[in-house]
Amino acid sequence: MTRITQYSEVNLYPEVVVDSDTWNSFPTPDIVEMTIRTVGKRGVKVIPVADSNEALSVVKKIIPPPC
């Protein structure tokens, strides 16, 4: 489980009852794979990455540099 911060949904919307055990944790690998397949069926390309550094690297490769 991840830690609850000031930016966690449970603190951003206090008027909404949020189950922090369910919504403040990382999904299992099975859930991630199912989500990738489901989104892919809708024609969206999914590029799984391990962390934010890898995500930034992928984004930099996809987006062309400014003219």
PDB file of N, CA and C in Angstrom:
ATOM      1  N   MET A   1       0.835  -1.166   0.000  1.00  0.00           N
ATOM      2  CA  MET A   1       0.000   0.000   0.000  1.00  0.00           C
ATOM      3  C   MET A   1       0.891   1.243   0.000  1.00  0.00           C
ATOM      4  N   THR A   2       0.418   2.270  -0.646  1.00  0.00           N
ATOM      5  CA  THR A   2       1.147   3.522  -0.668  1.00  0.00           C
ATOM      6  C   THR A   2       0.756   4.345   0.548  1.00  0.00           C
ATOM      7  N   ARG A   3       1.541   5.360   0.807  1.00  0.00           N
ATOM      8  CA  ARG A   3       1.219   6.195   1.963  1.00  0.00           C
ATOM      9  C   ARG A   3       0.194   7.251   1.564  1.00  0.00           C
ATOM     10  N   ILE A   4      -0.597   7.656   2.502  1.00  0.00           N
ATOM     11  CA  ILE A   4      -1.606   8.690   2.263  1.00  0.00           C
ATOM     12  C   ILE A   4      -0.941  10.044   2.450  1.00  0.00           C
ATOM     13  N   THR A   5      -1.080  10.904   1.452  1.00  0.00           N
ATOM     14  CA  THR A   5      -0.498  12.241   1.490  1.00  0.00           C
ATOM     15  C   THR A   5      -1.614  13.282   1.401  1.00  0.00           C
ATOM     16  N   GLN A   6      -1.226  14.543   1.413  1.00  0.00           N
ATOM     17  CA  GLN A   6      -2.221  15.603   1.266  1.00  0.00           C
ATOM     18  C   GLN A   6      -2.896  15.547  -0.093  1.00  0.00           C
ATOM     19  N   TYR A   7      -2.252  14.887  -1.072  1.00  0.00           N
ATOM     20  CA  TYR A   7      -2.804  14.804  -2.421  1.00  0.00           C
ATOM     21  C   TYR A   7      -3.604  13.528  -2.664  1.00  0.00           C
ATOM     22  N   SER A   8      -3.671  12.656  -1.694  1.00  0.00           N
ATOM     23  CA  SER A   8      -4.445  11.422  -1.830  1.00  0.00           C
ATOM     24  C   SER A   8      -5.927  11.773  -1.943  1.00  0.00           C
ATOM     25  N   GLU A   9      -6.648  10.932  -2.691  1.00  0.00           N
ATOM     26  CA  GLU A   9      -8.061  11.219  -2.934  1.00  0.00           C
ATOM     27  C   GLU A   9      -8.856  11.361  -1.644  1.00  0.00           C
ATOM     28  N   VAL A  10      -8.481  10.642  -0.626  1.00  0.00           N
ATOM     29  CA  VAL A  10      -9.209  10.709   0.637  1.00  0.00           C
ATOM     30  C   VAL A  10      -9.112  12.109   1.246  1.00  0.00           C
ATOM     31  N   ASN A  11      -8.041  12.836   0.943  1.00  0.00           N
ATOM     32  CA  ASN A  11      -7.872  14.199   1.454  1.00  0.00           C
ATOM     33  C   ASN A  11      -8.315  15.265   0.459  1.00  0.00           C
ATOM     34  N   LEU A  12      -8.315  14.950  -0.824  1.00  0.00           N
ATOM     35  CA  LEU A  12      -8.720  15.935  -1.824  1.00  0.00           C
ATOM     36  C   LEU A  12     -10.228  16.152  -1.829  1.00  0.00           C
ATOM     37  N   TYR A  13     -10.970  15.102  -1.554  1.00  0.00           N
ATOM     38  CA  TYR A  13     -12.427  15.187  -1.554  1.00  0.00           C
ATOM     39  C   TYR A  13     -12.961  14.634  -0.240  1.00  0.00           C
ATOM     40  N   PRO A  14     -12.789  15.364   0.850  1.00  0.00           N
ATOM     41  CA  PRO A  14     -13.191  14.822   2.149  1.00  0.00           C
ATOM     42  C   PRO A  14     -14.692  14.581   2.266  1.00  0.00           C
ATOM     43  N   GLU A  15     -15.487  15.281   1.441  1.00  0.00           N
ATOM     44  CA  GLU A  15     -16.944  15.094   1.512  1.00  0.00           C
ATOM     45  C   GLU A  15     -17.382  13.775   0.868  1.00  0.00           C
ATOM     46  N   VAL A  16     -16.498  13.164   0.117  1.00  0.00           N
ATOM     47  CA  VAL A  16     -16.794  11.884  -0.512  1.00  0.00           C
ATOM     48  C   VAL A  16     -16.160  10.784   0.341  1.00  0.00           C
ATOM     49  N   VAL A  17     -16.940   9.813   0.693  1.00  0.00           N
ATOM     50  CA  VAL A  17     -16.410   8.713   1.493  1.00  0.00           C
ATOM     51  C   VAL A  17     -15.614   7.796   0.571  1.00  0.00           C
ATOM     52  N   VAL A  18     -14.306   7.724   0.800  1.00  0.00           N
ATOM     53  CA  VAL A  18     -13.416   6.937  -0.044  1.00  0.00           C
ATOM     54  C   VAL A  18     -12.795   5.833   0.791  1.00  0.00           C
ATOM     55  N   ASP A  19     -12.858   4.630   0.278  1.00  0.00           N
ATOM     56  CA  ASP A  19     -12.222   3.501   0.940  1.00  0.00           C
ATOM     57  C   ASP A  19     -10.733   3.546   0.604  1.00  0.00           C
ATOM     58  N   SER A  20      -9.927   4.112   1.485  1.00  0.00           N
ATOM     59  CA  SER A  20      -8.511   4.302   1.194  1.00  0.00           C
ATOM     60  C   SER A  20      -7.763   2.975   1.057  1.00  0.00           C
ATOM     61  N   ASP A  21      -8.255   1.906   1.661  1.00  0.00           N
ATOM     62  CA  ASP A  21      -7.594   0.611   1.478  1.00  0.00           C
ATOM     63  C   ASP A  21      -7.717   0.127   0.039  1.00  0.00           C
ATOM     64  N   THR A  22      -8.836   0.444  -0.610  1.00  0.00           N
ATOM     65  CA  THR A  22      -9.056   0.032  -1.992  1.00  0.00           C
ATOM     66  C   THR A  22      -8.410   0.997  -2.975  1.00  0.00           C
ATOM     67  N   TRP A  23      -8.566   2.298  -2.728  1.00  0.00           N
ATOM     68  CA  TRP A  23      -8.182   3.298  -3.726  1.00  0.00           C
ATOM     69  C   TRP A  23      -6.849   3.966  -3.472  1.00  0.00           C
ATOM     70  N   ASN A  24      -6.113   3.550  -2.477  1.00  0.00           N
ATOM     71  CA  ASN A  24      -4.805   4.134  -2.224  1.00  0.00           C
ATOM     72  C   ASN A  24      -3.740   3.042  -2.232  1.00  0.00           C
ATOM     73  N   SER A  25      -3.884   2.127  -3.172  1.00  0.00           N
ATOM     74  CA  SER A  25      -2.909   1.043  -3.300  1.00  0.00           C
ATOM     75  C   SER A  25      -2.635   0.798  -4.777  1.00  0.00           C
ATOM     76  N   PHE A  26      -1.510   0.177  -5.045  1.00  0.00           N
ATOM     77  CA  PHE A  26      -1.159  -0.125  -6.418  1.00  0.00           C
ATOM     78  C   PHE A  26      -1.940  -1.348  -6.899  1.00  0.00           C
ATOM     79  N   PRO A  27      -2.357  -1.353  -8.160  1.00  0.00           N
ATOM     80  CA  PRO A  27      -3.082  -2.509  -8.688  1.00  0.00           C
ATOM     81  C   PRO A  27      -2.149  -3.716  -8.824  1.00  0.00           C
ATOM     82  N   THR A  28      -2.745  -4.879  -8.787  1.00  0.00           N
ATOM     83  CA  THR A  28      -1.971  -6.104  -8.972  1.00  0.00           C
ATOM     84  C   THR A  28      -1.542  -6.212 -10.433  1.00  0.00           C
ATOM     85  N   PRO A  29      -0.506  -6.985 -10.729  1.00  0.00           N
ATOM     86  CA  PRO A  29      -0.099  -7.181 -12.127  1.00  0.00           C
ATOM     87  C   PRO A  29      -1.241  -7.692 -13.005  1.00  0.00           C
ATOM     88  N   ASP A  30      -2.122  -8.533 -12.460  1.00  0.00           N
ATOM     89  CA  ASP A  30      -3.262  -9.039 -13.232  1.00  0.00           C
ATOM     90  C   ASP A  30      -4.208  -7.910 -13.634  1.00  0.00           C
ATOM     91  N   ILE A  31      -4.468  -6.997 -12.717  1.00  0.00           N
ATOM     92  CA  ILE A  31      -5.345  -5.860 -13.008  1.00  0.00           C
ATOM     93  C   ILE A  31      -4.705  -4.953 -14.052  1.00  0.00           C
ATOM     94  N   VAL A  32      -3.403  -4.728 -13.934  1.00  0.00           N
ATOM     95  CA  VAL A  32      -2.698  -3.887 -14.915  1.00  0.00           C
ATOM     96  C   VAL A  32      -2.795  -4.517 -16.299  1.00  0.00           C
ATOM     97  N   GLU A  33      -2.562  -5.819 -16.396  1.00  0.00           N
ATOM     98  CA  GLU A  33      -2.619  -6.509 -17.690  1.00  0.00           C
ATOM     99  C   GLU A  33      -4.031  -6.462 -18.275  1.00  0.00           C
ATOM    100  N   MET A  34      -5.040  -6.672 -17.444  1.00  0.00           N
ATOM    101  CA  MET A  34      -6.416  -6.613 -17.919  1.00  0.00           C
ATOM    102  C   MET A  34      -6.750  -5.200 -18.419  1.00  0.00           C
ATOM    103  N   THR A  35      -6.286  -4.194 -17.714  1.00  0.00           N
ATOM    104  CA  THR A  35      -6.527  -2.807 -18.123  1.00  0.00           C
ATOM    105  C   THR A  35      -5.848  -2.510 -19.449  1.00  0.00           C
ATOM    106  N   ILE A  36      -4.621  -2.959 -19.621  1.00  0.00           N
ATOM    107  CA  ILE A  36      -3.894  -2.755 -20.888  1.00  0.00           C
ATOM    108  C   ILE A  36      -4.646  -3.406 -22.037  1.00  0.00           C
ATOM    109  N   ARG A  37      -5.121  -4.641 -21.855  1.00  0.00           N
ATOM    110  CA  ARG A  37      -5.873  -5.327 -22.906  1.00  0.00           C
ATOM    111  C   ARG A  37      -7.171  -4.593 -23.226  1.00  0.00           C
ATOM    112  N   THR A  38      -7.886  -4.174 -22.191  1.00  0.00           N
ATOM    113  CA  THR A  38      -9.175  -3.508 -22.387  1.00  0.00           C
ATOM    114  C   THR A  38      -9.006  -2.177 -23.100  1.00  0.00           C
ATOM    115  N   VAL A  39      -8.039  -1.382 -22.679  1.00  0.00           N
ATOM    116  CA  VAL A  39      -7.788  -0.092 -23.324  1.00  0.00           C
ATOM    117  C   VAL A  39      -7.306  -0.311 -24.757  1.00  0.00           C
ATOM    118  N   GLY A  40      -6.473  -1.312 -24.958  1.00  0.00           N
ATOM    119  CA  GLY A  40      -5.971  -1.629 -26.300  1.00  0.00           C
ATOM    120  C   GLY A  40      -7.086  -2.001 -27.262  1.00  0.00           C
ATOM    121  N   LYS A  41      -8.119  -2.680 -26.770  1.00  0.00           N
ATOM    122  CA  LYS A  41      -9.260  -3.044 -27.615  1.00  0.00           C
ATOM    123  C   LYS A  41     -10.006  -1.810 -28.116  1.00  0.00           C
ATOM    124  N   ARG A  42      -9.843  -0.706 -27.443  1.00  0.00           N
ATOM    125  CA  ARG A  42     -10.492   0.546 -27.850  1.00  0.00           C
ATOM    126  C   ARG A  42      -9.606   1.366 -28.785  1.00  0.00           C
ATOM    127  N   GLY A  43      -8.487   0.778 -29.179  1.00  0.00           N
ATOM    128  CA  GLY A  43      -7.616   1.447 -30.137  1.00  0.00           C
ATOM    129  C   GLY A  43      -6.586   2.379 -29.526  1.00  0.00           C
ATOM    130  N   VAL A  44      -6.424   2.328 -28.220  1.00  0.00           N
ATOM    131  CA  VAL A  44      -5.451   3.182 -27.554  1.00  0.00           C
ATOM    132  C   VAL A  44      -4.167   2.390 -27.360  1.00  0.00           C
ATOM    133  N   LYS A  45      -3.045   2.959 -27.794  1.00  0.00           N
ATOM    134  CA  LYS A  45      -1.760   2.291 -27.617  1.00  0.00           C
ATOM    135  C   LYS A  45      -1.292   2.483 -26.180  1.00  0.00           C
ATOM    136  N   VAL A  46      -0.947   1.402 -25.531  1.00  0.00           N
ATOM    137  CA  VAL A  46      -0.485   1.432 -24.150  1.00  0.00           C
ATOM    138  C   VAL A  46       0.983   1.035 -24.129  1.00  0.00           C
ATOM    139  N   ILE A  47       1.785   1.827 -23.457  1.00  0.00           N
ATOM    140  CA  ILE A  47       3.209   1.524 -23.306  1.00  0.00           C
ATOM    141  C   ILE A  47       3.480   1.382 -21.815  1.00  0.00           C
ATOM    142  N   PRO A  48       3.527   0.164 -21.314  1.00  0.00           N
ATOM    143  CA  PRO A  48       3.781  -0.022 -19.885  1.00  0.00           C
ATOM    144  C   PRO A  48       5.228   0.363 -19.539  1.00  0.00           C
ATOM    145  N   VAL A  49       5.405   1.025 -18.424  1.00  0.00           N
ATOM    146  CA  VAL A  49       6.739   1.403 -17.952  1.00  0.00           C
ATOM    147  C   VAL A  49       6.862   1.041 -16.482  1.00  0.00           C
ATOM    148  N   ALA A  50       8.091   0.961 -16.010  1.00  0.00           N
ATOM    149  CA  ALA A  50       8.337   0.544 -14.630  1.00  0.00           C
ATOM    150  C   ALA A  50       8.214   1.678 -13.625  1.00  0.00           C
ATOM    151  N   ASP A  51       8.562   2.895 -14.052  1.00  0.00           N
ATOM    152  CA  ASP A  51       8.542   4.006 -13.102  1.00  0.00           C
ATOM    153  C   ASP A  51       8.448   5.338 -13.840  1.00  0.00           C
ATOM    154  N   SER A  52       8.434   6.420 -13.075  1.00  0.00           N
ATOM    155  CA  SER A  52       8.264   7.746 -13.671  1.00  0.00           C
ATOM    156  C   SER A  52       9.436   8.141 -14.562  1.00  0.00           C
ATOM    157  N   ASN A  53      10.624   7.712 -14.233  1.00  0.00           N
ATOM    158  CA  ASN A  53      11.778   8.029 -15.074  1.00  0.00           C
ATOM    159  C   ASN A  53      11.653   7.379 -16.446  1.00  0.00           C
ATOM    160  N   GLU A  54      11.238   6.139 -16.464  1.00  0.00           N
ATOM    161  CA  GLU A  54      11.042   5.447 -17.733  1.00  0.00           C
ATOM    162  C   GLU A  54       9.882   6.076 -18.512  1.00  0.00           C
ATOM    163  N   ALA A  55       8.846   6.472 -17.811  1.00  0.00           N
ATOM    164  CA  ALA A  55       7.707   7.127 -18.469  1.00  0.00           C
ATOM    165  C   ALA A  55       8.148   8.417 -19.147  1.00  0.00           C
ATOM    166  N   LEU A  56       8.944   9.220 -18.469  1.00  0.00           N
ATOM    167  CA  LEU A  56       9.443  10.464 -19.047  1.00  0.00           C
ATOM    168  C   LEU A  56      10.298  10.184 -20.273  1.00  0.00           C
ATOM    169  N   SER A  57      11.127   9.175 -20.214  1.00  0.00           N
ATOM    170  CA  SER A  57      11.965   8.802 -21.352  1.00  0.00           C
ATOM    171  C   SER A  57      11.119   8.412 -22.561  1.00  0.00           C
ATOM    172  N   VAL A  58      10.064   7.638 -22.331  1.00  0.00           N
ATOM    173  CA  VAL A  58       9.173   7.219 -23.414  1.00  0.00           C
ATOM    174  C   VAL A  58       8.458   8.418 -24.015  1.00  0.00           C
ATOM    175  N   VAL A  59       7.965   9.303 -23.159  1.00  0.00           N
ATOM    176  CA  VAL A  59       7.254  10.481 -23.630  1.00  0.00           C
ATOM    177  C   VAL A  59       8.177  11.355 -24.478  1.00  0.00           C
ATOM    178  N   LYS A  60       9.410  11.505 -24.042  1.00  0.00           N
ATOM    179  CA  LYS A  60      10.367  12.317 -24.812  1.00  0.00           C
ATOM    180  C   LYS A  60      10.640  11.722 -26.186  1.00  0.00           C
ATOM    181  N   LYS A  61      10.571  10.409 -26.305  1.00  0.00           N
ATOM    182  CA  LYS A  61      10.776   9.756 -27.600  1.00  0.00           C
ATOM    183  C   LYS A  61       9.567   9.908 -28.509  1.00  0.00           C
ATOM    184  N   ILE A  62       8.378   9.960 -27.910  1.00  0.00           N
ATOM    185  CA  ILE A  62       7.142  10.038 -28.689  1.00  0.00           C
ATOM    186  C   ILE A  62       6.871  11.451 -29.184  1.00  0.00           C
ATOM    187  N   ILE A  63       7.077  12.437 -28.327  1.00  0.00           N
ATOM    188  CA  ILE A  63       6.767  13.813 -28.678  1.00  0.00           C
ATOM    189  C   ILE A  63       7.961  14.428 -29.406  1.00  0.00           C
ATOM    190  N   PRO A  64       7.741  14.941 -30.614  1.00  0.00           N
ATOM    191  CA  PRO A  64       8.861  15.516 -31.336  1.00  0.00           C
ATOM    192  C   PRO A  64       9.330  16.821 -30.689  1.00  0.00           C
ATOM    193  N   PRO A  65      10.610  17.152 -30.862  1.00  0.00           N
ATOM    194  CA  PRO A  65      11.105  18.404 -30.292  1.00  0.00           C
ATOM    195  C   PRO A  65      10.462  19.605 -30.981  1.00  0.00           C
ATOM    196  N   PRO A  66      10.416  20.734 -30.282  1.00  0.00           N
ATOM    197  CA  PRO A  66       9.807  21.926 -30.891  1.00  0.00           C
ATOM    198  C   PRO A  66      10.617  22.386 -32.105  1.00  0.00           C
ATOM    199  N   CYS A  67       9.939  23.035 -33.016  1.00  0.00           N
ATOM    200  CA  CYS A  67      10.603  23.516 -34.239  1.00  0.00           C
ATOM    201  C   CYS A  67      11.511  24.674 -33.971  1.00  0.00           C
TER     202      CYS A  67
END
